[in-house]
Amino acid sequence: MDSSTGNPQIISWLDSWMKQQLEDYQINANSIPIFCDNTTAICLSKNPILHSRAKHNEIKHHSIRDYVQKGILDIQFIDIEHQWVDIFTKPLTVERFDFIKKNLNMHFVSD
């Protein structure tokens, strides 16, 4: 499957899957929230004028703007302090690990 035809199909499937996951947790959203710490990427996704100047980006990345314009995706800024995914993706100090664990409401189960 080439990327020009596959990307819309994958995003369509991802849209359905993500909406179902949100509904399973009783989160009813008209659009799928995606949190990003890159303000340039957020601006490119929301502003078609800036988007036309970013010719160095691959075509498959341009479709994200289309999904934002259609209201399927909602890209929102999140600062570095509130990126809870760091607990799963980065080595952390004990203090940072405990801070994120507390905010995720995670607890160790004792035997």
C-alpha atoms as a PDB file:
ATOM      1  CA  MET A   1       0.000   0.000   0.000  1.00  0.00           C
ATOM      2  CA  ASP A   2       1.566   3.297  -0.963  1.00  0.00           C
ATOM      3  CA  SER A   3       1.452   6.197   1.485  1.00  0.00           C
ATOM      4  CA  SER A   4      -0.762   8.383  -0.703  1.00  0.00           C
ATOM      5  CA  THR A   5      -3.665   5.920  -0.534  1.00  0.00           C
ATOM      6  CA  GLY A   6      -2.903   4.251   2.784  1.00  0.00           C
ATOM      7  CA  ASN A   7      -2.631   7.303   4.996  1.00  0.00           C
ATOM      8  CA  PRO A   8      -6.314   8.395   4.752  1.00  0.00           C
ATOM      9  CA  GLN A   9      -7.421   4.803   5.366  1.00  0.00           C
ATOM     10  CA  ILE A  10      -5.206   4.494   8.431  1.00  0.00           C
ATOM     11  CA  ILE A  11      -6.368   7.817   9.857  1.00  0.00           C
ATOM     12  CA  SER A  12      -9.995   6.889   9.189  1.00  0.00           C
ATOM     13  CA  TRP A  13      -9.518   3.620  11.067  1.00  0.00           C
ATOM     14  CA  LEU A  14      -7.609   5.421  13.831  1.00  0.00           C
ATOM     15  CA  ASP A  15     -10.425   7.984  14.088  1.00  0.00           C
ATOM     16  CA  SER A  16     -13.001   5.236  14.634  1.00  0.00           C
ATOM     17  CA  TRP A  17     -10.791   3.323  17.046  1.00  0.00           C
ATOM     18  CA  MET A  18      -9.868   6.378  19.130  1.00  0.00           C
ATOM     19  CA  LYS A  19     -13.464   7.559  19.361  1.00  0.00           C
ATOM     20  CA  GLN A  20     -14.509   4.081  20.537  1.00  0.00           C
ATOM     21  CA  GLN A  21     -11.753   4.073  23.159  1.00  0.00           C
ATOM     22  CA  LEU A  22     -12.853   7.478  24.438  1.00  0.00           C
ATOM     23  CA  GLU A  23     -16.493   6.325  24.594  1.00  0.00           C
ATOM     24  CA  ASP A  24     -15.429   3.238  26.559  1.00  0.00           C
ATOM     25  CA  TYR A  25     -14.115   5.621  29.231  1.00  0.00           C
ATOM     26  CA  GLN A  26     -17.292   7.738  29.069  1.00  0.00           C
ATOM     27  CA  ILE A  27     -15.482  10.571  27.295  1.00  0.00           C
ATOM     28  CA  ASN A  28     -17.758  11.829  24.552  1.00  0.00           C
ATOM     29  CA  ALA A  29     -15.784  14.083  22.256  1.00  0.00           C
ATOM     30  CA  ASN A  30     -16.751  15.399  18.860  1.00  0.00           C
ATOM     31  CA  SER A  31     -13.078  15.552  17.944  1.00  0.00           C
ATOM     32  CA  ILE A  32     -10.074  13.559  19.070  1.00  0.00           C
ATOM     33  CA  PRO A  33      -7.799  15.606  21.324  1.00  0.00           C
ATOM     34  CA  ILE A  34      -4.098  15.330  20.536  1.00  0.00           C
ATOM     35  CA  PHE A  35      -1.680  17.057  22.869  1.00  0.00           C
ATOM     36  CA  CYS A  36       1.526  18.488  21.441  1.00  0.00           C
ATOM     37  CA  ASP A  37       4.367  20.589  22.841  1.00  0.00           C
ATOM     38  CA  ASN A  38       5.449  21.898  19.434  1.00  0.00           C
ATOM     39  CA  THR A  39       3.767  25.257  18.825  1.00  0.00           C
ATOM     40  CA  THR A  40       4.996  25.377  15.219  1.00  0.00           C
ATOM     41  CA  ALA A  41       3.309  22.061  14.454  1.00  0.00           C
ATOM     42  CA  ILE A  42       0.087  23.310  16.079  1.00  0.00           C
ATOM     43  CA  CYS A  43       0.178  26.518  14.014  1.00  0.00           C
ATOM     44  CA  LEU A  44       0.826  24.576  10.804  1.00  0.00           C
ATOM     45  CA  SER A  45      -2.141  22.315  11.536  1.00  0.00           C
ATOM     46  CA  LYS A  46      -4.525  25.235  12.101  1.00  0.00           C
ATOM     47  CA  ASN A  47      -3.356  27.898   9.640  1.00  0.00           C
ATOM     48  CA  PRO A  48      -3.627  27.101   5.924  1.00  0.00           C
ATOM     49  CA  ILE A  49      -1.443  30.084   4.964  1.00  0.00           C
ATOM     50  CA  LEU A  50       1.508  28.873   7.031  1.00  0.00           C
ATOM     51  CA  HIS A  51       0.775  25.363   5.801  1.00  0.00           C
ATOM     52  CA  SER A  52       1.398  26.340   2.175  1.00  0.00           C
ATOM     53  CA  ARG A  53       4.864  27.655   3.086  1.00  0.00           C
ATOM     54  CA  ALA A  54       5.966  24.365   4.650  1.00  0.00           C
ATOM     55  CA  LYS A  55       6.836  22.652   1.394  1.00  0.00           C
ATOM     56  CA  HIS A  56       9.648  20.690   3.012  1.00  0.00           C
ATOM     57  CA  ASN A  57       7.119  18.582   4.944  1.00  0.00           C
ATOM     58  CA  GLU A  58       6.072  15.294   3.405  1.00  0.00           C
ATOM     59  CA  ILE A  59       2.649  15.124   1.781  1.00  0.00           C
ATOM     60  CA  LYS A  60       1.358  12.550   4.286  1.00  0.00           C
ATOM     61  CA  HIS A  61       1.853  15.069   7.107  1.00  0.00           C
ATOM     62  CA  HIS A  62      -0.285  17.625   5.301  1.00  0.00           C
ATOM     63  CA  SER A  63      -3.374  15.452   5.761  1.00  0.00           C
ATOM     64  CA  ILE A  64      -3.316  16.158   9.501  1.00  0.00           C
ATOM     65  CA  ARG A  65      -4.279  19.765   8.748  1.00  0.00           C
ATOM     66  CA  ASP A  66      -7.222  18.480   6.734  1.00  0.00           C
ATOM     67  CA  TYR A  67      -8.436  16.442   9.718  1.00  0.00           C
ATOM     68  CA  VAL A  68      -8.042  19.456  12.007  1.00  0.00           C
ATOM     69  CA  GLN A  69     -10.043  21.591   9.545  1.00  0.00           C
ATOM     70  CA  LYS A  70     -12.776  18.903   9.379  1.00  0.00           C
ATOM     71  CA  GLY A  71     -12.948  18.814  13.189  1.00  0.00           C
ATOM     72  CA  ILE A  72     -11.846  15.178  13.466  1.00  0.00           C
ATOM     73  CA  LEU A  73      -8.649  16.097  15.331  1.00  0.00           C
ATOM     74  CA  ASP A  74      -8.168  18.852  17.895  1.00  0.00           C
ATOM     75  CA  ILE A  75      -4.492  19.618  18.474  1.00  0.00           C
ATOM     76  CA  GLN A  76      -3.846  21.317  21.804  1.00  0.00           C
ATOM     77  CA  PHE A  77      -0.703  22.610  23.481  1.00  0.00           C
ATOM     78  CA  ILE A  78       0.662  20.809  26.524  1.00  0.00           C
ATOM     79  CA  ASP A  79       3.672  22.022  28.447  1.00  0.00           C
ATOM     80  CA  ILE A  80       6.574  19.795  29.348  1.00  0.00           C
ATOM     81  CA  GLU A  81       5.539  19.535  33.012  1.00  0.00           C
ATOM     82  CA  HIS A  82       2.249  17.838  32.112  1.00  0.00           C
ATOM     83  CA  GLN A  83       3.497  15.216  29.679  1.00  0.00           C
ATOM     84  CA  TRP A  84       2.563  12.121  31.658  1.00  0.00           C
ATOM     85  CA  VAL A  85       3.703   9.831  28.834  1.00  0.00           C
ATOM     86  CA  ASP A  86       7.288  10.503  29.959  1.00  0.00           C
ATOM     87  CA  ILE A  87       6.821   7.850  32.648  1.00  0.00           C
ATOM     88  CA  PHE A  88       6.583   5.238  29.892  1.00  0.00           C
ATOM     89  CA  THR A  89       9.120   6.616  27.415  1.00  0.00           C
ATOM     90  CA  LYS A  90      12.040   8.230  29.281  1.00  0.00           C
ATOM     91  CA  PRO A  91      14.391   7.553  32.146  1.00  0.00           C
ATOM     92  CA  LEU A  92      13.272   9.860  34.962  1.00  0.00           C
ATOM     93  CA  THR A  93      14.571  11.076  38.272  1.00  0.00           C
ATOM     94  CA  VAL A  94      12.856   9.566  41.301  1.00  0.00           C
ATOM     95  CA  GLU A  95      11.143  12.900  42.019  1.00  0.00           C
ATOM     96  CA  ARG A  96       9.770  13.226  38.467  1.00  0.00           C
ATOM     97  CA  PHE A  97       8.661   9.591  38.439  1.00  0.00           C
ATOM     98  CA  ASP A  98       6.800  10.015  41.746  1.00  0.00           C
ATOM     99  CA  PHE A  99       5.234  13.295  40.567  1.00  0.00           C
ATOM    100  CA  ILE A 100       3.879  11.742  37.351  1.00  0.00           C
ATOM    101  CA  LYS A 101       2.801   8.559  39.143  1.00  0.00           C
ATOM    102  CA  LYS A 102       0.817  10.646  41.642  1.00  0.00           C
ATOM    103  CA  ASN A 103      -0.855  12.640  38.841  1.00  0.00           C
ATOM    104  CA  LEU A 104      -1.769   9.445  36.994  1.00  0.00           C
ATOM    105  CA  ASN A 105      -3.252   8.158  40.254  1.00  0.00           C
ATOM    106  CA  MET A 106      -1.036   5.075  40.066  1.00  0.00           C
ATOM    107  CA  HIS A 107      -0.176   2.995  43.132  1.00  0.00           C
ATOM    108  CA  PHE A 108       2.026   0.023  43.748  1.00  0.00           C
ATOM    109  CA  VAL A 109       0.158  -3.126  44.696  1.00  0.00           C
ATOM    110  CA  SER A 110       1.747  -4.769  47.697  1.00  0.00           C
ATOM    111  CA  ASP A 111       1.845  -8.558  47.945  1.00  0.00           C
END
